[in-house]
Amino acid sequence: MRDHQHVINANTLRDRILQLESEHSGLDRLIDKVSDDPGIDDLEIKRLKKRKLKVKDTIILLQLQLEPDARA
């Protein structure tokens, strides 16, 4: 039963990592797009970049939970 729970948790972590990687890519594309728009406030770009960094940090933390011995 414990092994089954471990598999479920690992699958949940993998699914969440995939979601976050997709969000990270989307933020990257959005930042590129809005950076070329002179009407976009620098503060908005900074906010998007900060969000992107937080998402990346969360991905790394989840990956470490999956493979605690792996180095990011």
Protein backbone atom coordinates (compact mmCIF):
# COMPACT_ATOMS: atom_id res chain seq x y z
CA MET A 1 0.00 0.00 0.00
CA ARG A 2 2.84 2.38 0.82
CA ASP A 3 4.47 1.77 -2.57
CA HIS A 4 1.16 2.49 -4.29
CA GLN A 5 0.87 5.79 -2.40
CA HIS A 6 4.46 6.63 -3.39
CA VAL A 7 3.62 6.04 -7.08
CA ILE A 8 0.53 8.24 -6.83
CA ASN A 9 2.54 11.02 -5.18
CA ALA A 10 5.29 10.73 -7.79
CA ASN A 11 2.74 10.90 -10.60
CA THR A 12 1.09 13.92 -8.98
CA LEU A 13 4.46 15.64 -8.71
CA ARG A 14 5.28 14.87 -12.35
CA ASP A 15 1.92 16.23 -13.49
CA ARG A 16 2.43 19.42 -11.48
CA ILE A 17 5.95 19.83 -12.88
CA LEU A 18 4.57 19.53 -16.42
CA GLN A 19 1.92 22.15 -15.65
CA LEU A 20 4.52 24.51 -14.23
CA GLU A 21 6.88 23.95 -17.16
CA SER A 22 4.04 24.89 -19.49
CA GLU A 23 3.31 28.01 -17.43
CA HIS A 24 7.03 28.88 -17.44
CA SER A 25 7.18 28.59 -21.24
CA GLY A 26 4.03 30.66 -21.58
CA LEU A 27 5.46 33.38 -19.37
CA ASP A 28 8.67 33.34 -21.40
CA ARG A 29 6.73 33.85 -24.63
CA LEU A 30 4.57 36.56 -23.05
CA ILE A 31 7.62 38.41 -21.73
CA ASP A 32 9.20 38.33 -25.20
CA LYS A 33 5.97 39.59 -26.75
CA VAL A 34 5.32 42.45 -24.32
CA SER A 35 8.97 43.51 -24.19
CA ASP A 36 8.60 44.70 -27.78
CA ASP A 37 5.46 46.72 -26.95
CA PRO A 38 6.39 50.30 -26.04
CA GLY A 39 3.02 50.73 -24.32
CA ILE A 40 3.79 48.11 -21.65
CA ASP A 41 4.98 49.39 -18.30
CA ASP A 42 8.41 48.22 -17.12
CA LEU A 43 6.82 47.31 -13.80
CA GLU A 44 4.53 44.84 -15.57
CA ILE A 45 7.50 43.19 -17.29
CA LYS A 46 9.33 42.95 -13.96
CA ARG A 47 6.24 41.37 -12.41
CA LEU A 48 6.09 38.76 -15.17
CA LYS A 49 9.80 38.00 -14.83
CA LYS A 50 9.44 37.61 -11.07
CA ARG A 51 6.51 35.21 -11.58
CA LYS A 52 8.59 33.24 -14.10
CA LEU A 53 11.43 32.91 -11.56
CA LYS A 54 9.02 31.74 -8.86
CA VAL A 55 7.61 29.12 -11.20
CA LYS A 56 11.14 27.91 -12.02
CA ASP A 57 12.01 27.71 -8.31
CA THR A 58 8.87 25.67 -7.67
CA ILE A 59 9.76 23.31 -10.52
CA ILE A 60 13.20 22.74 -9.01
CA LEU A 61 11.76 22.09 -5.56
CA LEU A 62 9.29 19.55 -6.94
CA GLN A 63 12.01 17.84 -8.97
CA LEU A 64 14.08 17.52 -5.81
CA GLN A 65 11.12 15.87 -4.08
CA LEU A 66 10.96 13.36 -6.91
CA GLU A 67 14.68 12.70 -6.90
CA PRO A 68 16.15 14.01 -3.63
CA ASP A 69 19.68 12.95 -4.62
CA ALA A 70 19.55 14.82 -7.95
CA ARG A 71 21.28 18.17 -8.17
CA ALA A 72 19.44 20.95 -9.99
